[in-house]
Protein backbone atom coordinates (compact mmCIF):
# COMPACT_ATOMS: atom_id res chain seq x y z
CA MET A 1 30.58 -19.97 18.03
CA LEU A 2 33.57 -21.49 16.21
CA LEU A 3 34.83 -18.04 15.24
CA THR A 4 34.48 -16.84 18.84
CA GLY A 5 36.52 -19.83 20.00
CA ALA A 6 39.28 -19.04 17.47
CA PHE A 7 39.51 -15.45 18.68
CA PHE A 8 39.57 -16.67 22.25
CA PHE A 9 42.43 -19.08 21.46
CA ILE A 10 44.45 -16.29 19.80
CA PHE A 11 43.79 -14.06 22.78
CA LEU A 12 44.95 -16.77 25.23
CA ARG A 13 48.17 -17.17 23.27
CA LYS A 14 48.88 -13.44 23.57
CA ILE A 15 48.06 -13.50 27.28
CA TYR A 16 50.58 -16.23 27.98
CA MET A 17 53.20 -14.30 26.02
CA ASN A 18 52.54 -11.15 28.01
CA LYS A 19 52.05 -11.99 31.69
CA ASN A 20 50.85 -8.44 32.48
CA LEU A 21 47.55 -9.14 30.67
CA PHE A 22 46.87 -12.39 32.51
CA TYR A 23 44.29 -10.71 34.77
CA LEU A 24 41.99 -10.13 31.74
CA LEU A 25 41.45 -13.86 31.22
CA PRO A 26 38.65 -14.24 33.84
CA ILE A 27 36.84 -11.18 32.45
CA PHE A 28 36.74 -12.58 28.91
CA VAL A 29 35.73 -16.02 30.14
CA LEU A 30 32.77 -14.43 31.92
CA LEU A 31 31.83 -12.32 28.90
CA PHE A 32 31.74 -15.23 26.49
CA SER A 33 30.13 -17.73 28.86
CA CYS A 34 27.32 -15.41 30.01
CA ARG A 35 26.37 -14.34 26.51
CA ASN A 36 22.96 -15.71 25.49
CA SER A 37 21.89 -15.13 21.90
CA ASP A 38 19.26 -17.89 21.86
CA ASN A 39 16.47 -15.56 23.03
CA GLU A 40 17.00 -13.10 20.18
CA SER A 41 15.05 -15.30 17.78
CA GLU A 42 12.07 -15.37 20.18
CA ILE A 43 11.63 -11.59 20.19
CA LYS A 44 8.75 -10.61 17.92
CA THR A 45 9.11 -7.32 16.07
CA GLU A 46 5.82 -7.34 14.16
CA GLN A 47 2.32 -7.21 15.55
CA GLU A 48 0.42 -10.42 15.00
CA LEU A 49 -2.89 -10.61 13.23
CA ILE A 50 -5.43 -12.36 15.43
CA VAL A 51 -8.31 -14.21 13.77
CA LYS A 52 -11.19 -15.41 15.92
CA LYS A 53 -13.91 -17.68 14.60
CA ILE A 54 -17.53 -17.08 15.47
CA SER A 55 -20.51 -19.38 15.02
CA PRO A 56 -22.96 -18.48 12.23
CA LEU A 57 -25.75 -19.03 14.77
CA PHE A 58 -24.61 -16.00 16.78
CA SER A 59 -27.22 -13.23 16.82
CA PRO A 60 -26.86 -9.96 18.78
CA GLN A 61 -29.78 -9.36 21.12
CA GLY A 62 -32.70 -7.72 19.31
CA HIS A 63 -31.16 -8.15 15.85
CA LEU A 64 -31.26 -10.82 13.18
CA LEU A 65 -28.24 -12.32 11.45
CA LEU A 66 -28.44 -12.29 7.65
CA PRO A 67 -27.17 -15.55 6.14
CA SER A 68 -24.46 -15.18 3.51
CA ALA A 69 -22.61 -18.16 2.08
CA GLU A 70 -19.91 -16.33 0.11
CA THR A 71 -18.17 -14.54 2.98
CA LYS A 72 -16.01 -15.81 5.80
CA LYS A 73 -17.85 -16.08 9.09
CA ASN A 74 -15.09 -14.88 11.39
CA PHE A 75 -13.62 -11.74 12.86
CA GLU A 76 -10.19 -10.40 12.00
CA PHE A 77 -8.54 -7.99 14.44
CA GLU A 78 -5.41 -5.84 13.99
CA TYR A 79 -3.52 -4.14 16.81
CA ASP A 80 -0.97 -1.31 16.92
CA SER A 81 2.37 -1.32 18.76
CA LYS A 82 0.62 -0.30 22.01
CA ASN A 83 -1.71 -3.35 21.78
CA ARG A 84 -4.71 -1.17 20.97
CA LEU A 85 -7.32 -2.43 18.53
CA THR A 86 -7.03 -0.49 15.24
CA LYS A 87 -8.98 -2.51 12.68
CA ARG A 88 -11.80 -5.05 12.70
CA ILE A 89 -13.25 -6.99 9.78
CA GLY A 90 -16.29 -9.22 10.23
CA LEU A 91 -19.78 -8.70 11.58
CA ILE A 92 -21.44 -5.37 10.64
CA ILE A 93 -24.93 -3.96 10.96
CA SER A 94 -26.81 -3.58 7.70
CA SER A 95 -27.92 -0.14 6.51
CA ALA A 96 -31.26 -1.70 5.50
CA GLY A 97 -32.45 -2.33 9.04
CA PRO A 98 -31.62 -4.06 12.31
CA PHE A 99 -29.76 -6.89 10.61
CA TYR A 100 -26.19 -8.05 11.09
CA ALA A 101 -24.13 -9.75 8.39
CA PHE A 102 -20.58 -10.99 7.94
CA THR A 103 -18.57 -9.27 5.23
CA ASP A 104 -14.94 -8.92 4.24
CA LYS A 105 -15.67 -5.82 2.11
CA ILE A 106 -15.98 -3.39 5.04
CA ALA A 107 -13.53 -2.73 7.88
CA THR A 108 -14.08 -0.82 11.10
CA ILE A 109 -11.12 1.50 11.76
CA ILE A 110 -10.26 2.93 15.19
CA GLU A 111 -8.05 6.04 15.37
CA TYR A 112 -6.54 7.13 18.69
CA LYS A 113 -5.48 10.67 19.70
CA ASP A 114 -4.37 11.25 23.30
CA LEU A 115 -7.51 10.57 25.38
CA THR A 116 -9.97 10.27 22.46
CA ALA A 117 -10.79 7.63 19.85
CA SER A 118 -12.88 7.64 16.68
CA ILE A 119 -14.55 4.63 15.08
CA LYS A 120 -15.51 4.63 11.42
CA ASN A 121 -16.42 2.04 8.78
CA ILE A 122 -14.43 2.10 5.55
CA ALA A 123 -14.87 0.17 2.31
CA ILE A 124 -12.02 -2.22 1.54
CA ILE A 125 -13.27 -2.55 -2.04
CA PRO A 126 -13.44 0.82 -3.89
CA ASP A 127 -16.95 2.24 -4.47
CA TYR A 128 -18.59 -0.22 -2.07
CA PRO A 129 -21.66 1.55 -0.59
CA ILE A 130 -21.43 2.25 3.16
CA LEU A 131 -22.90 4.81 5.53
CA ASP A 132 -20.39 7.47 6.54
CA ILE A 133 -20.88 7.46 10.32
CA LYS A 134 -18.13 8.30 12.80
CA GLU A 135 -18.45 7.55 16.53
CA ASP A 136 -16.28 9.50 18.99
CA PHE A 137 -15.18 8.42 22.46
CA LYS A 138 -13.43 10.31 25.28
CA PHE A 139 -11.40 8.52 27.96
CA ASN A 140 -10.20 9.48 31.42
CA ASN A 141 -6.61 8.90 32.57
CA GLU A 142 -7.45 5.30 33.56
CA LYS A 143 -8.51 4.57 29.92
CA GLN A 144 -12.21 4.31 30.84
CA ILE A 145 -14.88 5.75 28.53
CA ILE A 146 -16.34 8.92 30.04
CA GLU A 147 -18.22 10.22 26.99
CA LYS A 148 -19.55 8.57 23.85
CA TYR A 149 -20.98 10.41 20.82
CA ILE A 150 -22.94 8.33 18.28
CA PRO A 151 -24.47 10.24 15.38
CA ALA A 152 -27.82 9.07 13.99
CA LYS A 153 -27.78 7.38 10.60
CA TYR A 154 -30.17 9.72 8.82
CA SER A 155 -30.88 12.79 10.99
CA ASN A 156 -28.73 15.01 13.24
CA ARG A 157 -31.70 15.47 15.61
CA MET A 158 -31.40 11.83 16.69
CA ASP A 159 -27.70 11.99 17.68
CA LYS A 160 -26.85 10.32 21.00
CA LYS A 161 -24.38 11.53 23.57
């Protein structure tokens, strides 16, 4: 601001020396007084990581929650620049049966392409055993799900559409 004031003072001196440029004074006063650079620091350029806590007593309907003391009992969500969910870490269903457990070793990744999305679990730690199942979704123009394809865990005959 001090540097701007110095330039303004030099400019005023030149204006008074040359009376033909006197009409530019109100324009520069408006330019410098209406400038607001305070809001620039409030603009966020990076997507935030949202962490939501969930109670260990939570149990999805019809399933049991496996207790595990070594892992965090919360969800972690990541979003892309269009505010679409792209990654989730937290509660997963066990491959051993209808049990849910919290883990930070597996992430659920969502990939978007035009009006479709695919959901797949990936291992964060190399060589961690997971089932390779990919669910596909189709959306209409209003971003509503119109078709959902969920493959069966062990047999193609049990796939759901």
